[in-house]
């Protein structure tokens, strides 16, 4: 019996029905006062500034904000001895390293960051991350003060004892999470385009060899031009002597 009832219930089709209930009409012009708790919440959330006045509408949001005292607390940072130590180390790196690259860092996982450090370490380069406050503390009043504008939050820096610009560009191209914004090469601030042009010049030894070859070619050319008239005169005299000897014979 129970099986027949269950089978009948499963086979039966249920059709949903809709029933419209007409409620009370809402009075838009004179709405009903809210509940006490809701009225209390609305009173607390109501702005204390006179927003209806013309003066309030003309003022910027920075002056009408009610949290300005709280914001002012965060503008003055307490003295942190650890940040001063990091700033001193960063200043020494800027003064001693011949190559400093400023990177735009995208989100990167720990494994990719470790592999990037290994690739740079093989070429004698070091990857470091510093906050904007430490950079300001280290570079204020130095010739490198203009690079503070490149820092918005925590940014990555690459330091190297030698100006290996070409190798740096090749390595960073293989790391999609980083992009070179600018760099300091031997005390000069260069953009990414200028760094690429610098990398195409080659190393200093090859440039010196090219300069020596150019100077030698210029000197040898000058000597050949100076002796060209004498050589022509000697060859002409030899030809005249040979002709006279043939005539006499």
Foldseek 3Di string as FASTA:
>chain_A
DVVVVVVVVVPDDDDDDDDDDDDDDADPVDGDDDDPVVVVVVVVPDDPDPCPDPVNVPDDPQVSDPCVVVVVVVVDDDDDVVLVVLLQVVLVLVVQFQKKWWKDFADDDPVLVVVLQVLQVVVQKGKDKDFLVSPCSNPVPHPPNVCSVVHDTITMMMTHRALQLVSVVVSVVVRVRIDTAWMHGRNDTGGPVVSVVVNVVPDPVVVVVVVVVVVVVVVVVVVCVVCVVVVVVVVVVVVVVVVVVVVVD
